Amino acid sequence: MCIGIILRMLIVVVIVLIATRVRCVDINVRLNKITVLGYFHNNPKHILKALHKTGRRAYLWPPPPPPPIPTPIPKPFSGFRSFLPTCHLGFSD
């Protein structure tokens, strides 16, 4: 992939994604791959359609799954404790 094609693809990506929040644009010349990371609030199919019009393949990857919720670890049982109740029943010696 020559530099001109990369620049044209990058211009298309920037124009299409101007209304979105792009976090990162990675260009890999050896793999002929441009990766765009960001938050797409608009319809992502519009982005794919614009990229397909340039004659390139474009795929929308799903977001990564959320991290698992940690389960609380129960405290180990510390043993028995004896409590002596104080009962006042009204008896007097």
N, C-alpha and C. Protein backbone atom coordinates (compact mmCIF):
# COMPACT_ATOMS: atom_id res chain seq x y z
N MET A 1 0.87 -1.16 0.00
CA MET A 1 0.00 0.00 0.00
C MET A 1 0.91 1.23 0.00
N CYS A 2 0.71 2.09 -0.97
CA CYS A 2 1.58 3.27 -1.04
C CYS A 2 1.06 4.37 -0.12
N ILE A 3 1.89 5.37 0.05
CA ILE A 3 1.56 6.46 0.98
C ILE A 3 0.33 7.23 0.52
N GLY A 4 0.14 7.38 -0.80
CA GLY A 4 -1.02 8.11 -1.31
C GLY A 4 -2.33 7.43 -0.95
N ILE A 5 -2.36 6.11 -1.07
CA ILE A 5 -3.58 5.37 -0.72
C ILE A 5 -3.85 5.47 0.78
N ILE A 6 -2.79 5.39 1.56
CA ILE A 6 -2.96 5.52 3.02
C ILE A 6 -3.51 6.88 3.37
N LEU A 7 -3.00 7.93 2.73
CA LEU A 7 -3.49 9.28 3.03
C LEU A 7 -4.94 9.45 2.60
N ARG A 8 -5.31 8.90 1.43
CA ARG A 8 -6.71 9.00 0.99
C ARG A 8 -7.64 8.27 1.96
N MET A 9 -7.24 7.07 2.40
CA MET A 9 -8.06 6.33 3.35
C MET A 9 -8.15 7.08 4.68
N LEU A 10 -7.06 7.67 5.10
CA LEU A 10 -7.06 8.41 6.36
C LEU A 10 -7.95 9.64 6.27
N ILE A 11 -7.96 10.31 5.12
CA ILE A 11 -8.84 11.47 4.93
C ILE A 11 -10.30 11.04 5.00
N VAL A 12 -10.63 9.91 4.36
CA VAL A 12 -12.01 9.41 4.42
C VAL A 12 -12.39 9.08 5.86
N VAL A 13 -11.49 8.43 6.56
CA VAL A 13 -11.78 8.07 7.95
C VAL A 13 -11.99 9.31 8.80
N VAL A 14 -11.14 10.31 8.62
CA VAL A 14 -11.27 11.54 9.42
C VAL A 14 -12.55 12.28 9.08
N ILE A 15 -12.90 12.36 7.80
CA ILE A 15 -14.13 13.07 7.41
C ILE A 15 -15.36 12.35 7.95
N VAL A 16 -15.38 11.04 7.85
CA VAL A 16 -16.54 10.28 8.32
C VAL A 16 -16.65 10.32 9.84
N LEU A 17 -15.53 10.28 10.51
CA LEU A 17 -15.53 10.18 11.96
C LEU A 17 -15.43 11.52 12.67
N ILE A 18 -15.62 12.61 11.95
CA ILE A 18 -15.42 13.92 12.56
C ILE A 18 -16.42 14.20 13.68
N ALA A 19 -17.60 13.57 13.62
CA ALA A 19 -18.61 13.81 14.65
C ALA A 19 -18.48 12.83 15.82
N THR A 20 -17.56 11.90 15.72
CA THR A 20 -17.40 10.92 16.79
C THR A 20 -16.14 11.24 17.59
N ARG A 21 -16.00 10.54 18.68
CA ARG A 21 -14.82 10.73 19.52
C ARG A 21 -13.82 9.62 19.21
N VAL A 22 -12.80 9.95 18.44
CA VAL A 22 -11.79 8.98 18.05
C VAL A 22 -10.68 8.98 19.09
N ARG A 23 -10.35 7.81 19.60
CA ARG A 23 -9.28 7.69 20.59
C ARG A 23 -7.94 7.44 19.93
N CYS A 24 -7.93 6.65 18.85
CA CYS A 24 -6.65 6.25 18.28
C CYS A 24 -6.85 5.85 16.82
N VAL A 25 -5.89 6.21 15.98
CA VAL A 25 -5.85 5.75 14.59
C VAL A 25 -4.49 5.08 14.40
N ASP A 26 -4.52 3.80 14.07
CA ASP A 26 -3.29 3.03 13.90
C ASP A 26 -3.20 2.59 12.45
N ILE A 27 -2.08 2.89 11.79
CA ILE A 27 -1.86 2.52 10.39
C ILE A 27 -0.75 1.48 10.36
N ASN A 28 -1.07 0.29 9.86
CA ASN A 28 -0.10 -0.78 9.73
C ASN A 28 0.09 -1.03 8.24
N VAL A 29 1.22 -0.57 7.69
CA VAL A 29 1.47 -0.67 6.25
C VAL A 29 1.77 -2.11 5.86
N ARG A 30 2.45 -2.85 6.71
CA ARG A 30 2.82 -4.23 6.37
C ARG A 30 1.59 -5.13 6.25
N LEU A 31 0.56 -4.87 7.05
CA LEU A 31 -0.66 -5.68 6.99
C LEU A 31 -1.76 -5.03 6.16
N ASN A 32 -1.48 -3.84 5.58
CA ASN A 32 -2.49 -3.08 4.82
C ASN A 32 -3.74 -2.88 5.67
N LYS A 33 -3.53 -2.36 6.87
CA LYS A 33 -4.63 -2.28 7.82
C LYS A 33 -4.62 -0.93 8.51
N ILE A 34 -5.80 -0.32 8.61
CA ILE A 34 -5.99 0.91 9.37
C ILE A 34 -7.00 0.59 10.46
N THR A 35 -6.62 0.83 11.70
CA THR A 35 -7.49 0.55 12.84
C THR A 35 -7.88 1.87 13.49
N VAL A 36 -9.18 2.06 13.67
CA VAL A 36 -9.69 3.27 14.31
C VAL A 36 -10.40 2.85 15.58
N LEU A 37 -9.96 3.38 16.71
CA LEU A 37 -10.60 3.10 17.99
C LEU A 37 -11.31 4.35 18.46
N GLY A 38 -12.55 4.19 18.89
CA GLY A 38 -13.28 5.36 19.38
C GLY A 38 -14.68 4.99 19.80
N TYR A 39 -15.43 6.02 20.13
CA TYR A 39 -16.82 5.88 20.56
C TYR A 39 -17.71 6.35 19.42
N PHE A 40 -18.53 5.45 18.91
CA PHE A 40 -19.39 5.77 17.78
C PHE A 40 -20.82 5.95 18.28
N HIS A 41 -21.20 7.21 18.47
CA HIS A 41 -22.55 7.48 18.95
C HIS A 41 -23.55 7.43 17.79
N ASN A 42 -23.08 7.75 16.60
CA ASN A 42 -23.96 7.69 15.43
C ASN A 42 -24.06 6.24 14.97
N ASN A 43 -24.79 6.05 13.90
CA ASN A 43 -24.95 4.71 13.37
C ASN A 43 -23.64 4.24 12.76
N PRO A 44 -23.02 3.16 13.25
CA PRO A 44 -21.74 2.72 12.71
C PRO A 44 -21.85 2.19 11.28
N LYS A 45 -23.06 1.86 10.83
CA LYS A 45 -23.21 1.38 9.46
C LYS A 45 -22.90 2.47 8.44
N HIS A 46 -23.11 3.74 8.81
CA HIS A 46 -22.76 4.84 7.91
C HIS A 46 -21.25 4.89 7.71
N ILE A 47 -20.51 4.62 8.76
CA ILE A 47 -19.05 4.62 8.67
C ILE A 47 -18.58 3.49 7.77
N LEU A 48 -19.16 2.30 7.95
CA LEU A 48 -18.78 1.17 7.11
C LEU A 48 -19.14 1.40 5.66
N LYS A 49 -20.28 2.02 5.42
CA LYS A 49 -20.71 2.29 4.05
C LYS A 49 -19.75 3.26 3.37
N ALA A 50 -19.33 4.29 4.08
CA ALA A 50 -18.39 5.25 3.49
C ALA A 50 -17.05 4.60 3.20
N LEU A 51 -16.61 3.70 4.06
CA LEU A 51 -15.34 3.02 3.81
C LEU A 51 -15.46 2.00 2.69
N HIS A 52 -16.62 1.36 2.54
CA HIS A 52 -16.81 0.41 1.44
C HIS A 52 -16.83 1.13 0.10
N LYS A 53 -17.28 2.38 0.08
CA LYS A 53 -17.31 3.15 -1.17
C LYS A 53 -15.91 3.42 -1.70
N THR A 54 -14.92 3.40 -0.84
CA THR A 54 -13.54 3.62 -1.29
C THR A 54 -12.95 2.35 -1.90
N GLY A 55 -13.66 1.25 -1.83
CA GLY A 55 -13.18 0.00 -2.40
C GLY A 55 -12.39 -0.85 -1.42
N ARG A 56 -12.44 -0.51 -0.17
CA ARG A 56 -11.70 -1.26 0.84
C ARG A 56 -12.66 -2.05 1.72
N ARG A 57 -12.13 -3.10 2.32
CA ARG A 57 -12.93 -3.88 3.26
C ARG A 57 -12.94 -3.17 4.61
N ALA A 58 -14.07 -3.18 5.25
CA ALA A 58 -14.19 -2.56 6.57
C ALA A 58 -15.05 -3.46 7.44
N TYR A 59 -14.64 -3.62 8.67
CA TYR A 59 -15.36 -4.46 9.62
C TYR A 59 -15.59 -3.69 10.91
N LEU A 60 -16.72 -3.93 11.50
CA LEU A 60 -17.04 -3.34 12.79
C LEU A 60 -16.88 -4.43 13.84
N TRP A 61 -15.96 -4.22 14.74
CA TRP A 61 -15.74 -5.20 15.80
C TRP A 61 -16.59 -4.84 17.00
N PRO A 62 -17.13 -5.84 17.69
CA PRO A 62 -17.92 -5.53 18.89
C PRO A 62 -16.99 -5.05 20.01
N PRO A 63 -17.54 -4.30 20.94
CA PRO A 63 -16.70 -3.85 22.07
C PRO A 63 -16.29 -5.04 22.93
N PRO A 64 -15.19 -4.91 23.64
CA PRO A 64 -14.76 -6.02 24.50
C PRO A 64 -15.76 -6.24 25.62
N PRO A 65 -15.87 -7.48 26.09
CA PRO A 65 -16.82 -7.74 27.18
C PRO A 65 -16.38 -7.02 28.45
N PRO A 66 -17.34 -6.66 29.28
CA PRO A 66 -16.98 -5.98 30.54
C PRO A 66 -16.20 -6.92 31.45
N PRO A 67 -15.37 -6.37 32.30
CA PRO A 67 -14.61 -7.24 33.21
C PRO A 67 -15.56 -7.92 34.20
N PRO A 68 -15.20 -9.11 34.64
CA PRO A 68 -16.08 -9.81 35.58
C PRO A 68 -16.16 -9.07 36.91
N ILE A 69 -17.32 -9.15 37.52
CA ILE A 69 -17.54 -8.50 38.80
C ILE A 69 -16.92 -9.38 39.89
N PRO A 70 -16.03 -8.82 40.68
CA PRO A 70 -15.41 -9.66 41.71
C PRO A 70 -16.42 -10.02 42.79
N THR A 71 -16.39 -11.28 43.18
CA THR A 71 -17.30 -11.72 44.24
C THR A 71 -16.60 -11.51 45.58
N PRO A 72 -17.34 -11.07 46.57
CA PRO A 72 -16.71 -10.85 47.88
C PRO A 72 -16.28 -12.18 48.49
N ILE A 73 -15.12 -12.18 49.08
CA ILE A 73 -14.60 -13.38 49.72
C ILE A 73 -15.12 -13.41 51.16
N PRO A 74 -15.82 -14.48 51.53
CA PRO A 74 -16.35 -14.53 52.91
C PRO A 74 -15.20 -14.66 53.91
N LYS A 75 -15.40 -14.04 55.06
CA LYS A 75 -14.39 -14.12 56.11
C LYS A 75 -14.42 -15.52 56.73
N PRO A 76 -13.26 -16.06 57.03
CA PRO A 76 -13.26 -17.39 57.64
C PRO A 76 -13.87 -17.35 59.04
N PHE A 77 -14.45 -18.46 59.41
CA PHE A 77 -15.10 -18.57 60.72
C PHE A 77 -14.04 -18.50 61.80
N SER A 78 -14.23 -17.63 62.78
CA SER A 78 -13.19 -17.41 63.78
C SER A 78 -13.35 -18.29 65.02
N GLY A 79 -14.34 -19.13 65.07
CA GLY A 79 -14.51 -20.02 66.22
C GLY A 79 -15.71 -19.62 67.05
N PHE A 80 -15.92 -20.38 68.11
CA PHE A 80 -17.07 -20.13 68.98
C PHE A 80 -16.70 -19.14 70.07
N ARG A 81 -17.65 -18.34 70.41
CA ARG A 81 -17.50 -17.42 71.54
C ARG A 81 -18.69 -17.66 72.46
N SER A 82 -18.44 -17.63 73.73
CA SER A 82 -19.55 -17.83 74.66
C SER A 82 -19.88 -16.50 75.32
N PHE A 83 -21.12 -16.20 75.33
CA PHE A 83 -21.61 -15.00 75.98
C PHE A 83 -22.49 -15.43 77.14
N LEU A 84 -22.21 -14.94 78.32
CA LEU A 84 -23.03 -15.25 79.48
C LEU A 84 -24.07 -14.15 79.63
N PRO A 85 -25.32 -14.52 79.48
CA PRO A 85 -26.35 -13.49 79.59
C PRO A 85 -26.52 -13.06 81.04
N THR A 86 -26.88 -11.84 81.21
CA THR A 86 -27.18 -11.33 82.55
C THR A 86 -28.68 -11.29 82.69
N CYS A 87 -29.20 -12.21 83.48
CA CYS A 87 -30.64 -12.30 83.66
C CYS A 87 -31.00 -11.76 85.04
N HIS A 88 -31.89 -10.88 85.10
CA HIS A 88 -32.42 -10.35 86.36
C HIS A 88 -33.88 -10.73 86.41
N LEU A 89 -34.16 -11.83 87.11
CA LEU A 89 -35.53 -12.31 87.18
C LEU A 89 -36.27 -11.79 88.40
N GLY A 90 -35.63 -11.01 89.20
CA GLY A 90 -36.30 -10.46 90.37
C GLY A 90 -36.14 -11.30 91.62
N PHE A 91 -35.38 -12.39 91.57
CA PHE A 91 -35.15 -13.19 92.77
C PHE A 91 -34.06 -12.54 93.59
N SER A 92 -34.24 -12.56 94.84
CA SER A 92 -33.21 -12.01 95.72
C SER A 92 -32.79 -13.08 96.72
N ASP A 93 -31.56 -13.11 97.12
CA ASP A 93 -31.06 -14.09 98.08
C ASP A 93 -31.31 -13.67 99.48
